[in-house]
Amino acid sequence: MKQEINPKETSRAYAFEMWTKSPQPMVTIVKTFNVTRLYKFSKKRGFKFNMLLCWCIGQAASRIDEFYMLPEQGRLYRYDRLGINVIVDNVKGGISSCDIPYSEEWEQFRRDYDTLTQSAKTTCQNITDDGAMVVGTSAVVGTEVDCIVNQYTGVFNNPFLVWARYKRHLFKTTLPISFQFHHTQMDGAQAARFLNELQNAINNVSI
């Protein structure tokens, strides 16, 4: 559920005053993650790597209170649940956007991921969840890259993560991930905590 809140009654009061009208309020941080455990799970269990990573993103975000707040059109809203957006290659050769509700229960998230992405692929229709604070993701898996900086249009203020192909080394697998967020929603401290939580979720994935 989405509910408008008074910014002055939240921890984001100063940030809302400072950044809500900024022409470029987005901040981008790039961090290289050790995804060795995720890679091994993907290969051993036959799970999609990107689906596993999306679940870990949801786990990390769910532990940061600021992820449940989002500035939209000069107002601040609080949500009671999260979603993960993925971009799907559809059968017409284009792409479709798909919002997947985040669930702490692994099997529920996996079922929703498989069902909704397959639906978006075959129907070529976007699947949106307006009742969730959606974390955007995009995987550019056609190549390895060192950094991706996403565009900012002002249409969507949602946090956004982008990655390309993971990099295989002798004893580990790494993946640079670009994390973009609206400065009204969170500061560097919360962003750093999220990135640390994401690495912890990857390190401790157990299914």
N, C-alpha and C. Protein backbone atom coordinates (compact mmCIF):
# COMPACT_ATOMS: atom_id res chain seq x y z
N MET A 1 0.84 -1.19 0.00
CA MET A 1 0.00 0.00 0.00
C MET A 1 0.88 1.25 0.00
N LYS A 2 0.41 2.29 -0.66
CA LYS A 2 1.14 3.55 -0.79
C LYS A 2 0.40 4.65 -0.03
N GLN A 3 1.15 5.42 0.79
CA GLN A 3 0.51 6.45 1.59
C GLN A 3 1.39 7.70 1.61
N GLU A 4 0.78 8.85 1.34
CA GLU A 4 1.54 10.10 1.41
C GLU A 4 1.86 10.44 2.86
N ILE A 5 3.08 10.91 3.10
CA ILE A 5 3.51 11.26 4.45
C ILE A 5 4.10 12.67 4.44
N ASN A 6 4.15 13.27 5.62
CA ASN A 6 4.72 14.60 5.79
C ASN A 6 6.24 14.47 5.92
N PRO A 7 7.01 15.00 4.97
CA PRO A 7 8.47 14.85 5.05
C PRO A 7 9.07 15.38 6.35
N LYS A 8 8.44 16.43 6.92
CA LYS A 8 8.96 17.02 8.15
C LYS A 8 8.87 16.08 9.34
N GLU A 9 8.04 15.05 9.21
CA GLU A 9 7.88 14.09 10.30
C GLU A 9 8.70 12.83 10.08
N THR A 10 9.62 12.89 9.14
CA THR A 10 10.47 11.73 8.84
C THR A 10 11.94 12.11 8.96
N SER A 11 12.79 11.11 8.84
CA SER A 11 14.23 11.33 8.87
C SER A 11 14.74 11.99 7.59
N ARG A 12 13.87 12.12 6.58
CA ARG A 12 14.25 12.68 5.29
C ARG A 12 13.88 14.15 5.14
N ALA A 13 13.54 14.81 6.24
CA ALA A 13 13.07 16.20 6.18
C ALA A 13 14.09 17.12 5.52
N TYR A 14 15.33 17.09 5.98
CA TYR A 14 16.36 17.97 5.41
C TYR A 14 16.63 17.61 3.95
N ALA A 15 16.75 16.33 3.66
CA ALA A 15 17.02 15.89 2.29
C ALA A 15 15.89 16.28 1.35
N PHE A 16 14.65 16.19 1.83
CA PHE A 16 13.50 16.56 1.01
C PHE A 16 13.57 18.05 0.65
N GLU A 17 13.90 18.87 1.62
CA GLU A 17 14.01 20.31 1.39
C GLU A 17 15.14 20.64 0.42
N MET A 18 16.25 19.91 0.54
CA MET A 18 17.44 20.22 -0.24
C MET A 18 17.37 19.70 -1.67
N TRP A 19 16.82 18.47 -1.86
CA TRP A 19 17.02 17.78 -3.13
C TRP A 19 15.77 17.51 -3.96
N THR A 20 14.60 17.74 -3.39
CA THR A 20 13.39 17.34 -4.12
C THR A 20 13.19 18.15 -5.40
N LYS A 21 13.72 19.38 -5.46
CA LYS A 21 13.57 20.21 -6.65
C LYS A 21 14.86 20.30 -7.46
N SER A 22 15.82 19.49 -7.11
CA SER A 22 17.08 19.50 -7.84
C SER A 22 16.87 18.98 -9.26
N PRO A 23 17.49 19.61 -10.28
CA PRO A 23 17.34 19.11 -11.65
C PRO A 23 18.05 17.77 -11.88
N GLN A 24 18.99 17.44 -11.02
CA GLN A 24 19.68 16.15 -11.12
C GLN A 24 19.95 15.62 -9.71
N PRO A 25 18.91 15.02 -9.10
CA PRO A 25 19.02 14.59 -7.70
C PRO A 25 19.54 13.15 -7.52
N MET A 26 19.92 12.51 -8.64
CA MET A 26 20.32 11.11 -8.54
C MET A 26 21.80 10.98 -8.24
N VAL A 27 22.11 9.98 -7.41
CA VAL A 27 23.49 9.65 -7.06
C VAL A 27 23.78 8.24 -7.56
N THR A 28 24.96 8.03 -8.13
CA THR A 28 25.33 6.70 -8.62
C THR A 28 26.60 6.22 -7.94
N ILE A 29 26.53 5.00 -7.42
CA ILE A 29 27.69 4.35 -6.81
C ILE A 29 27.92 3.03 -7.53
N VAL A 30 29.17 2.71 -7.83
CA VAL A 30 29.50 1.44 -8.46
C VAL A 30 30.38 0.64 -7.52
N LYS A 31 30.00 -0.60 -7.28
CA LYS A 31 30.75 -1.48 -6.38
C LYS A 31 30.92 -2.84 -7.06
N THR A 32 32.11 -3.42 -6.92
CA THR A 32 32.35 -4.76 -7.44
C THR A 32 32.07 -5.79 -6.35
N PHE A 33 31.15 -6.71 -6.63
CA PHE A 33 30.73 -7.71 -5.65
C PHE A 33 31.39 -9.05 -5.93
N ASN A 34 31.66 -9.77 -4.87
CA ASN A 34 32.09 -11.16 -4.98
C ASN A 34 30.82 -12.01 -5.04
N VAL A 35 30.54 -12.57 -6.22
CA VAL A 35 29.30 -13.34 -6.41
C VAL A 35 29.60 -14.83 -6.59
N THR A 36 30.71 -15.27 -6.03
CA THR A 36 31.13 -16.66 -6.21
C THR A 36 30.06 -17.63 -5.72
N ARG A 37 29.51 -17.38 -4.55
CA ARG A 37 28.50 -18.29 -3.99
C ARG A 37 27.24 -18.31 -4.86
N LEU A 38 26.84 -17.14 -5.33
CA LEU A 38 25.66 -17.06 -6.19
C LEU A 38 25.89 -17.81 -7.50
N TYR A 39 27.08 -17.66 -8.05
CA TYR A 39 27.42 -18.35 -9.30
C TYR A 39 27.38 -19.86 -9.11
N LYS A 40 27.94 -20.35 -8.00
CA LYS A 40 27.96 -21.79 -7.75
C LYS A 40 26.55 -22.33 -7.54
N PHE A 41 25.70 -21.57 -6.81
CA PHE A 41 24.32 -21.99 -6.62
C PHE A 41 23.58 -22.07 -7.95
N SER A 42 23.81 -21.07 -8.78
CA SER A 42 23.16 -21.02 -10.08
C SER A 42 23.52 -22.25 -10.92
N LYS A 43 24.78 -22.60 -10.95
CA LYS A 43 25.23 -23.73 -11.75
C LYS A 43 24.81 -25.07 -11.13
N LYS A 44 24.93 -25.18 -9.82
CA LYS A 44 24.65 -26.45 -9.14
C LYS A 44 23.17 -26.78 -9.14
N ARG A 45 22.33 -25.77 -8.88
CA ARG A 45 20.88 -26.01 -8.73
C ARG A 45 20.08 -25.73 -10.00
N GLY A 46 20.73 -25.15 -11.00
CA GLY A 46 20.01 -24.84 -12.24
C GLY A 46 19.11 -23.63 -12.13
N PHE A 47 19.40 -22.73 -11.18
CA PHE A 47 18.62 -21.51 -11.02
C PHE A 47 19.21 -20.40 -11.88
N LYS A 48 18.36 -19.47 -12.31
CA LYS A 48 18.84 -18.32 -13.08
C LYS A 48 19.64 -17.40 -12.18
N PHE A 49 20.82 -17.03 -12.63
CA PHE A 49 21.70 -16.17 -11.83
C PHE A 49 21.02 -14.84 -11.52
N ASN A 50 20.41 -14.21 -12.53
CA ASN A 50 19.79 -12.91 -12.33
C ASN A 50 18.61 -12.98 -11.36
N MET A 51 17.89 -14.08 -11.38
CA MET A 51 16.78 -14.24 -10.44
C MET A 51 17.31 -14.33 -9.01
N LEU A 52 18.40 -15.08 -8.81
CA LEU A 52 19.01 -15.17 -7.48
C LEU A 52 19.48 -13.81 -7.00
N LEU A 53 20.10 -13.05 -7.91
CA LEU A 53 20.58 -11.73 -7.54
C LEU A 53 19.43 -10.79 -7.18
N CYS A 54 18.33 -10.87 -7.93
CA CYS A 54 17.17 -10.04 -7.62
C CYS A 54 16.62 -10.35 -6.23
N TRP A 55 16.62 -11.62 -5.87
CA TRP A 55 16.14 -12.00 -4.53
C TRP A 55 17.05 -11.41 -3.45
N CYS A 56 18.35 -11.46 -3.68
CA CYS A 56 19.30 -10.89 -2.73
C CYS A 56 19.13 -9.38 -2.62
N ILE A 57 18.85 -8.72 -3.75
CA ILE A 57 18.59 -7.28 -3.74
C ILE A 57 17.37 -6.97 -2.88
N GLY A 58 16.32 -7.76 -3.02
CA GLY A 58 15.13 -7.58 -2.20
C GLY A 58 15.42 -7.78 -0.73
N GLN A 59 16.22 -8.79 -0.40
CA GLN A 59 16.59 -9.03 0.99
C GLN A 59 17.31 -7.83 1.57
N ALA A 60 18.30 -7.32 0.84
CA ALA A 60 19.09 -6.19 1.34
C ALA A 60 18.24 -4.94 1.48
N ALA A 61 17.41 -4.65 0.48
CA ALA A 61 16.57 -3.45 0.51
C ALA A 61 15.55 -3.50 1.65
N SER A 62 15.04 -4.68 1.94
CA SER A 62 14.01 -4.82 2.97
C SER A 62 14.54 -4.50 4.36
N ARG A 63 15.86 -4.45 4.51
CA ARG A 63 16.48 -4.15 5.80
C ARG A 63 16.79 -2.67 5.98
N ILE A 64 16.52 -1.86 4.96
CA ILE A 64 16.81 -0.43 5.01
C ILE A 64 15.49 0.34 4.96
N ASP A 65 15.18 1.07 6.02
CA ASP A 65 13.88 1.74 6.13
C ASP A 65 13.66 2.74 4.99
N GLU A 66 14.73 3.41 4.56
CA GLU A 66 14.59 4.43 3.52
C GLU A 66 14.09 3.86 2.19
N PHE A 67 14.27 2.57 1.96
CA PHE A 67 13.79 1.97 0.72
C PHE A 67 12.27 1.96 0.63
N TYR A 68 11.60 2.13 1.76
CA TYR A 68 10.14 2.11 1.76
C TYR A 68 9.55 3.50 1.52
N MET A 69 10.41 4.51 1.37
CA MET A 69 9.94 5.87 1.08
C MET A 69 10.42 6.28 -0.31
N LEU A 70 9.59 7.09 -1.00
CA LEU A 70 9.96 7.51 -2.35
C LEU A 70 9.36 8.88 -2.66
N PRO A 71 10.19 9.82 -3.15
CA PRO A 71 9.65 11.12 -3.58
C PRO A 71 9.04 11.01 -4.97
N GLU A 72 7.85 11.56 -5.11
CA GLU A 72 7.16 11.56 -6.40
C GLU A 72 6.43 12.87 -6.58
N GLN A 73 6.76 13.59 -7.65
CA GLN A 73 6.06 14.83 -8.01
C GLN A 73 5.96 15.81 -6.84
N GLY A 74 7.07 15.99 -6.14
CA GLY A 74 7.14 16.96 -5.06
C GLY A 74 6.53 16.51 -3.76
N ARG A 75 6.14 15.24 -3.68
CA ARG A 75 5.58 14.69 -2.44
C ARG A 75 6.37 13.47 -2.00
N LEU A 76 6.20 13.08 -0.75
CA LEU A 76 6.91 11.92 -0.23
C LEU A 76 5.90 10.84 0.17
N TYR A 77 6.16 9.62 -0.27
CA TYR A 77 5.24 8.51 0.00
C TYR A 77 5.96 7.39 0.72
N ARG A 78 5.18 6.68 1.54
CA ARG A 78 5.70 5.49 2.22
C ARG A 78 4.93 4.26 1.72
N TYR A 79 5.66 3.20 1.48
CA TYR A 79 5.08 1.93 1.03
C TYR A 79 5.26 0.89 2.13
N ASP A 80 4.37 -0.11 2.12
CA ASP A 80 4.49 -1.16 3.13
C ASP A 80 5.11 -2.44 2.58
N ARG A 81 5.49 -2.43 1.29
CA ARG A 81 6.15 -3.60 0.72
C ARG A 81 6.99 -3.20 -0.48
N LEU A 82 7.86 -4.11 -0.89
CA LEU A 82 8.80 -3.85 -1.98
C LEU A 82 8.52 -4.74 -3.18
N GLY A 83 8.98 -4.28 -4.32
CA GLY A 83 8.94 -5.08 -5.54
C GLY A 83 10.28 -4.94 -6.26
N ILE A 84 10.59 -5.89 -7.11
CA ILE A 84 11.80 -5.85 -7.91
C ILE A 84 11.39 -5.83 -9.38
N ASN A 85 11.84 -4.82 -10.11
CA ASN A 85 11.53 -4.73 -11.53
C ASN A 85 12.64 -5.38 -12.35
N VAL A 86 12.27 -6.16 -13.34
CA VAL A 86 13.23 -6.73 -14.28
C VAL A 86 12.78 -6.41 -15.70
N ILE A 87 13.76 -6.33 -16.60
CA ILE A 87 13.49 -6.09 -18.01
C ILE A 87 13.55 -7.43 -18.74
N VAL A 88 12.50 -7.74 -19.50
CA VAL A 88 12.35 -9.06 -20.13
C VAL A 88 12.41 -8.91 -21.66
N ASP A 89 13.18 -9.75 -22.31
CA ASP A 89 13.16 -9.83 -23.77
C ASP A 89 11.88 -10.54 -24.20
N ASN A 90 11.03 -9.86 -24.97
CA ASN A 90 9.76 -10.48 -25.34
C ASN A 90 9.82 -11.15 -26.71
N VAL A 91 8.75 -11.86 -27.06
CA VAL A 91 8.75 -12.68 -28.27
C VAL A 91 8.70 -11.86 -29.55
N LYS A 92 8.43 -10.57 -29.43
CA LYS A 92 8.41 -9.71 -30.62
C LYS A 92 9.76 -9.07 -30.89
N GLY A 93 10.74 -9.44 -30.08
CA GLY A 93 12.07 -8.89 -30.27
C GLY A 93 12.32 -7.59 -29.52
N GLY A 94 11.33 -7.15 -28.76
CA GLY A 94 11.46 -5.94 -27.96
C GLY A 94 11.69 -6.30 -26.50
N ILE A 95 11.42 -5.35 -25.62
CA ILE A 95 11.55 -5.61 -24.19
C ILE A 95 10.26 -5.22 -23.48
N SER A 96 10.00 -5.88 -22.35
CA SER A 96 8.85 -5.57 -21.51
C SER A 96 9.33 -5.41 -20.08
N SER A 97 8.65 -4.57 -19.33
CA SER A 97 8.98 -4.31 -17.94
C SER A 97 8.10 -5.17 -17.04
N CYS A 98 8.70 -5.74 -15.99
CA CYS A 98 7.96 -6.67 -15.14
C CYS A 98 8.28 -6.43 -13.68
N ASP A 99 7.26 -6.06 -12.88
CA ASP A 99 7.42 -5.87 -11.44
C ASP A 99 7.10 -7.17 -10.70
N ILE A 100 8.05 -7.62 -9.89
CA ILE A 100 7.88 -8.87 -9.15
C ILE A 100 7.81 -8.55 -7.66
N PRO A 101 6.74 -8.93 -6.96
CA PRO A 101 6.66 -8.65 -5.52
C PRO A 101 7.78 -9.37 -4.77
N TYR A 102 8.46 -8.65 -3.89
CA TYR A 102 9.51 -9.29 -3.10
C TYR A 102 8.89 -10.10 -1.97
N SER A 103 9.37 -11.30 -1.79
CA SER A 103 8.96 -12.16 -0.68
C SER A 103 10.19 -12.72 -0.01
N GLU A 104 10.19 -12.70 1.31
CA GLU A 104 11.29 -13.30 2.07
C GLU A 104 11.35 -14.81 1.82
N GLU A 105 10.21 -15.38 1.48
CA GLU A 105 10.15 -16.82 1.20
C GLU A 105 10.67 -17.08 -0.20
N TRP A 106 11.76 -17.80 -0.28
CA TRP A 106 12.43 -18.06 -1.54
C TRP A 106 11.53 -18.68 -2.60
N GLU A 107 10.79 -19.72 -2.24
CA GLU A 107 9.96 -20.42 -3.21
C GLU A 107 8.88 -19.52 -3.79
N GLN A 108 8.31 -18.65 -2.94
CA GLN A 108 7.28 -17.72 -3.42
C GLN A 108 7.87 -16.75 -4.42
N PHE A 109 9.04 -16.20 -4.10
CA PHE A 109 9.68 -15.26 -5.02
C PHE A 109 10.03 -15.95 -6.34
N ARG A 110 10.56 -17.16 -6.27
CA ARG A 110 10.93 -17.88 -7.49
C ARG A 110 9.72 -18.15 -8.37
N ARG A 111 8.61 -18.56 -7.75
CA ARG A 111 7.40 -18.82 -8.53
C ARG A 111 6.88 -17.55 -9.19
N ASP A 112 6.85 -16.46 -8.42
CA ASP A 112 6.39 -15.19 -8.98
C ASP A 112 7.31 -14.72 -10.10
N TYR A 113 8.60 -14.86 -9.90
CA TYR A 113 9.58 -14.46 -10.93
C TYR A 113 9.35 -15.23 -12.22
N ASP A 114 9.26 -16.56 -12.11
CA ASP A 114 9.09 -17.38 -13.31
C ASP A 114 7.76 -17.10 -14.01
N THR A 115 6.68 -17.01 -13.22
CA THR A 115 5.35 -16.81 -13.79
C THR A 115 5.21 -15.45 -14.46
N LEU A 116 5.63 -14.39 -13.76
CA LEU A 116 5.42 -13.04 -14.28
C LEU A 116 6.35 -12.72 -15.44
N THR A 117 7.61 -13.14 -15.37
CA THR A 117 8.52 -12.86 -16.49
C THR A 117 8.10 -13.63 -17.74
N GLN A 118 7.59 -14.85 -17.56
CA GLN A 118 7.11 -15.62 -18.71
C GLN A 118 5.89 -14.95 -19.33
N SER A 119 5.01 -14.42 -18.49
CA SER A 119 3.83 -13.72 -18.98
C SER A 119 4.23 -12.46 -19.76
N ALA A 120 5.18 -11.69 -19.20
CA ALA A 120 5.64 -10.49 -19.89
C ALA A 120 6.30 -10.84 -21.22
N LYS A 121 7.03 -11.94 -21.23
CA LYS A 121 7.72 -12.37 -22.45
C LYS A 121 6.73 -12.74 -23.55
N THR A 122 5.70 -13.49 -23.22
CA THR A 122 4.78 -14.01 -24.24
C THR A 122 3.71 -13.01 -24.64
N THR A 123 3.25 -12.18 -23.69
CA THR A 123 2.18 -11.22 -24.00
C THR A 123 2.74 -9.90 -24.51
N CYS A 124 4.02 -9.65 -24.27
CA CYS A 124 4.66 -8.39 -24.66
C CYS A 124 4.02 -7.20 -23.94
N GLN A 125 3.42 -7.46 -22.77
CA GLN A 125 2.79 -6.42 -21.98
C GLN A 125 3.61 -6.14 -20.72
N ASN A 126 3.69 -4.87 -20.33
CA ASN A 126 4.35 -4.53 -19.08
C ASN A 126 3.49 -4.97 -17.89
N ILE A 127 4.13 -5.46 -16.85
CA ILE A 127 3.44 -5.87 -15.63
C ILE A 127 3.89 -4.94 -14.51
N THR A 128 2.96 -4.14 -14.01
CA THR A 128 3.31 -3.14 -13.00
C THR A 128 2.63 -3.43 -11.67
N ASP A 129 3.27 -3.00 -10.59
CA ASP A 129 2.74 -3.17 -9.25
C ASP A 129 2.80 -1.80 -8.57
N ASP A 130 1.74 -1.03 -8.73
CA ASP A 130 1.72 0.34 -8.21
C ASP A 130 1.67 0.40 -6.69
N GLY A 131 1.34 -0.71 -6.05
CA GLY A 131 1.25 -0.72 -4.60
C GLY A 131 2.56 -1.01 -3.90
N ALA A 132 3.62 -1.23 -4.66
CA ALA A 132 4.92 -1.57 -4.06
C ALA A 132 5.95 -0.49 -4.40
N MET A 133 6.90 -0.29 -3.51
CA MET A 133 8.05 0.55 -3.80
C MET A 133 9.00 -0.32 -4.60
N VAL A 134 9.13 -0.05 -5.88
CA VAL A 134 9.83 -0.94 -6.80
C VAL A 134 11.29 -0.54 -6.97
N VAL A 135 12.16 -1.52 -6.80
CA VAL A 135 13.59 -1.34 -7.06
C VAL A 135 13.85 -1.80 -8.49
N GLY A 136 14.31 -0.89 -9.33
CA GLY A 136 14.56 -1.23 -10.72
C GLY A 136 15.86 -1.98 -10.91
N THR A 137 15.88 -2.90 -11.87
CA THR A 137 17.11 -3.60 -12.23
C THR A 137 17.18 -3.75 -13.75
N SER A 138 18.40 -3.90 -14.25
CA SER A 138 18.60 -4.19 -15.66
C SER A 138 19.91 -4.95 -15.81
N ALA A 139 19.89 -6.01 -16.59
CA ALA A 139 21.09 -6.83 -16.80
C ALA A 139 21.52 -6.74 -18.26
N VAL A 140 22.71 -6.20 -18.49
CA VAL A 140 23.26 -6.09 -19.84
C VAL A 140 24.29 -7.21 -19.98
N VAL A 141 23.81 -8.42 -20.24
CA VAL A 141 24.65 -9.61 -20.13
C VAL A 141 25.42 -9.94 -21.41
N GLY A 142 25.32 -9.09 -22.41
CA GLY A 142 25.99 -9.37 -23.67
C GLY A 142 27.49 -9.14 -23.64
N THR A 143 27.98 -8.50 -22.56
CA THR A 143 29.40 -8.22 -22.47
C THR A 143 29.78 -7.99 -21.03
N GLU A 144 31.10 -7.90 -20.76
CA GLU A 144 31.60 -7.49 -19.46
C GLU A 144 31.86 -6.00 -19.50
N VAL A 145 31.51 -5.31 -18.41
CA VAL A 145 31.79 -3.87 -18.33
C VAL A 145 32.35 -3.56 -16.95
N ASP A 146 33.00 -2.40 -16.85
CA ASP A 146 33.53 -1.96 -15.56
C ASP A 146 32.55 -1.04 -14.85
N CYS A 147 31.72 -0.32 -15.62
CA CYS A 147 30.81 0.65 -15.00
C CYS A 147 29.65 0.95 -15.93
N ILE A 148 28.47 1.10 -15.38
CA ILE A 148 27.29 1.55 -16.12
C ILE A 148 26.65 2.68 -15.33
N VAL A 149 26.38 3.79 -15.97
CA VAL A 149 25.66 4.90 -15.33
C VAL A 149 24.33 5.04 -16.04
N ASN A 150 23.25 4.91 -15.30
CA ASN A 150 21.92 4.93 -15.91
C ASN A 150 21.49 6.37 -16.21
N GLN A 151 20.59 6.52 -17.18
CA GLN A 151 20.03 7.84 -17.48
C GLN A 151 19.07 8.27 -16.38
N TYR A 152 18.86 9.57 -16.25
CA TYR A 152 17.84 10.08 -15.34
C TYR A 152 16.91 10.99 -16.13
N THR A 153 15.64 10.66 -16.16
CA THR A 153 14.67 11.43 -16.93
C THR A 153 13.75 12.26 -16.05
N GLY A 154 13.70 11.97 -14.76
CA GLY A 154 12.76 12.65 -13.88
C GLY A 154 11.40 12.00 -13.84
N VAL A 155 11.20 10.98 -14.68
CA VAL A 155 9.91 10.28 -14.69
C VAL A 155 9.84 9.29 -13.53
N PHE A 156 10.94 8.55 -13.34
CA PHE A 156 11.00 7.57 -12.25
C PHE A 156 12.11 7.96 -11.28
N ASN A 157 11.78 8.00 -10.00
CA ASN A 157 12.77 8.32 -8.97
C ASN A 157 13.24 7.06 -8.22
N ASN A 158 12.75 5.91 -8.64
CA ASN A 158 13.05 4.66 -7.94
C ASN A 158 14.54 4.34 -7.97
N PRO A 159 15.04 3.70 -6.91
CA PRO A 159 16.43 3.21 -6.95
C PRO A 159 16.58 2.19 -8.07
N PHE A 160 17.77 2.14 -8.65
CA PHE A 160 17.98 1.33 -9.85
C PHE A 160 19.36 0.69 -9.81
N LEU A 161 19.41 -0.61 -10.08
CA LEU A 161 20.67 -1.34 -10.14
C LEU A 161 20.86 -1.92 -11.53
N VAL A 162 22.08 -1.80 -12.06
CA VAL A 162 22.40 -2.30 -13.38
C VAL A 162 23.70 -3.09 -13.31
N TRP A 163 23.75 -4.20 -14.02
CA TRP A 163 24.97 -4.99 -14.10
C TRP A 163 25.08 -5.62 -15.48
N ALA A 164 26.26 -6.11 -15.78
CA ALA A 164 26.49 -6.78 -17.06
C ALA A 164 26.87 -8.24 -16.77
N ARG A 165 27.74 -8.81 -17.57
CA ARG A 165 28.15 -10.20 -17.40
C ARG A 165 29.14 -10.32 -16.24
N TYR A 166 28.97 -11.34 -15.40
CA TYR A 166 29.94 -11.54 -14.31
C TYR A 166 31.29 -11.94 -14.88
N LYS A 167 32.32 -11.73 -14.07
CA LYS A 167 33.69 -11.99 -14.50
C LYS A 167 34.26 -13.19 -13.74
N ARG A 168 34.67 -14.19 -14.48
CA ARG A 168 35.24 -15.40 -13.88
C ARG A 168 36.74 -15.23 -13.70
N HIS A 169 37.19 -15.47 -12.47
CA HIS A 169 38.61 -15.45 -12.15
C HIS A 169 39.03 -16.87 -11.75
N LEU A 170 40.28 -17.03 -11.36
CA LEU A 170 40.79 -18.36 -11.04
C LEU A 170 40.04 -18.98 -9.87
N PHE A 171 39.83 -18.19 -8.81
CA PHE A 171 39.20 -18.74 -7.60
C PHE A 171 37.91 -18.04 -7.20
N LYS A 172 37.50 -17.04 -7.95
CA LYS A 172 36.27 -16.34 -7.58
C LYS A 172 35.59 -15.75 -8.81
N THR A 173 34.33 -15.34 -8.61
CA THR A 173 33.54 -14.69 -9.65
C THR A 173 33.11 -13.33 -9.12
N THR A 174 33.31 -12.28 -9.92
CA THR A 174 32.98 -10.93 -9.48
C THR A 174 31.99 -10.29 -10.44
N LEU A 175 31.31 -9.25 -9.93
CA LEU A 175 30.31 -8.56 -10.74
C LEU A 175 30.23 -7.09 -10.31
N PRO A 176 30.62 -6.15 -11.17
CA PRO A 176 30.40 -4.73 -10.86
C PRO A 176 28.91 -4.40 -10.98
N ILE A 177 28.37 -3.72 -9.98
CA ILE A 177 26.96 -3.33 -10.00
C ILE A 177 26.86 -1.83 -9.79
N SER A 178 26.10 -1.18 -10.66
CA SER A 178 25.85 0.25 -10.54
C SER A 178 24.55 0.46 -9.77
N PHE A 179 24.61 1.29 -8.73
CA PHE A 179 23.44 1.56 -7.89
C PHE A 179 23.14 3.06 -7.94
N GLN A 180 21.97 3.39 -8.48
CA GLN A 180 21.52 4.78 -8.58
C GLN A 180 20.34 5.01 -7.64
N PHE A 181 20.36 6.13 -6.92
CA PHE A 181 19.26 6.43 -5.99
C PHE A 181 19.01 7.93 -5.94
N HIS A 182 17.80 8.29 -5.57
CA HIS A 182 17.40 9.69 -5.41
C HIS A 182 17.88 10.17 -4.05
N HIS A 183 18.57 11.33 -4.06
CA HIS A 183 19.18 11.82 -2.82
C HIS A 183 18.13 12.17 -1.77
N THR A 184 16.90 12.45 -2.20
CA THR A 184 15.84 12.70 -1.22
C THR A 184 15.48 11.42 -0.47
N GLN A 185 15.57 10.29 -1.15
CA GLN A 185 15.20 9.01 -0.53
C GLN A 185 16.21 8.54 0.48
N MET A 186 17.49 8.70 0.17
CA MET A 186 18.53 8.23 1.09
C MET A 186 19.82 9.00 0.88
N ASP A 187 20.68 8.93 1.87
CA ASP A 187 22.01 9.53 1.80
C ASP A 187 23.05 8.45 1.56
N GLY A 188 24.29 8.87 1.49
CA GLY A 188 25.38 7.92 1.26
C GLY A 188 25.48 6.85 2.32
N ALA A 189 25.15 7.19 3.57
CA ALA A 189 25.25 6.22 4.66
C ALA A 189 24.28 5.05 4.45
N GLN A 190 23.04 5.38 4.07
CA GLN A 190 22.06 4.32 3.83
C GLN A 190 22.42 3.52 2.56
N ALA A 191 22.93 4.21 1.54
CA ALA A 191 23.34 3.52 0.33
C ALA A 191 24.48 2.55 0.62
N ALA A 192 25.45 2.98 1.42
CA ALA A 192 26.57 2.11 1.77
C ALA A 192 26.10 0.91 2.57
N ARG A 193 25.16 1.16 3.48
CA ARG A 193 24.63 0.04 4.27
C ARG A 193 23.92 -0.96 3.37
N PHE A 194 23.15 -0.45 2.39
CA PHE A 194 22.47 -1.35 1.46
C PHE A 194 23.47 -2.20 0.68
N LEU A 195 24.52 -1.59 0.19
CA LEU A 195 25.51 -2.34 -0.58
C LEU A 195 26.19 -3.40 0.28
N ASN A 196 26.45 -3.07 1.54
CA ASN A 196 27.02 -4.07 2.45
C ASN A 196 26.02 -5.20 2.73
N GLU A 197 24.75 -4.83 2.91
CA GLU A 197 23.72 -5.84 3.13
C GLU A 197 23.57 -6.74 1.90
N LEU A 198 23.73 -6.17 0.71
CA LEU A 198 23.62 -6.96 -0.51
C LEU A 198 24.76 -7.98 -0.58
N GLN A 199 25.98 -7.56 -0.26
CA GLN A 199 27.08 -8.51 -0.26
C GLN A 199 26.86 -9.61 0.76
N ASN A 200 26.33 -9.24 1.94
CA ASN A 200 26.04 -10.24 2.97
C ASN A 200 24.98 -11.23 2.50
N ALA A 201 23.95 -10.71 1.83
CA ALA A 201 22.89 -11.60 1.32
C ALA A 201 23.45 -12.57 0.29
N ILE A 202 24.35 -12.09 -0.56
CA ILE A 202 24.98 -12.95 -1.56
C ILE A 202 25.84 -14.01 -0.88
N ASN A 203 26.60 -13.58 0.12
CA ASN A 203 27.51 -14.51 0.81
C ASN A 203 26.77 -15.59 1.57
N ASN A 204 25.57 -15.28 2.03
CA ASN A 204 24.84 -16.20 2.92
C ASN A 204 23.62 -16.84 2.27
N VAL A 205 23.52 -16.74 0.95
CA VAL A 205 22.35 -17.33 0.29
C VAL A 205 22.30 -18.82 0.56
N SER A 206 21.15 -19.27 0.99
CA SER A 206 20.96 -20.68 1.33
C SER A 206 19.55 -21.06 0.96
N ILE A 207 19.43 -21.97 0.02
CA ILE A 207 18.12 -22.33 -0.52
C ILE A 207 17.89 -23.83 -0.38
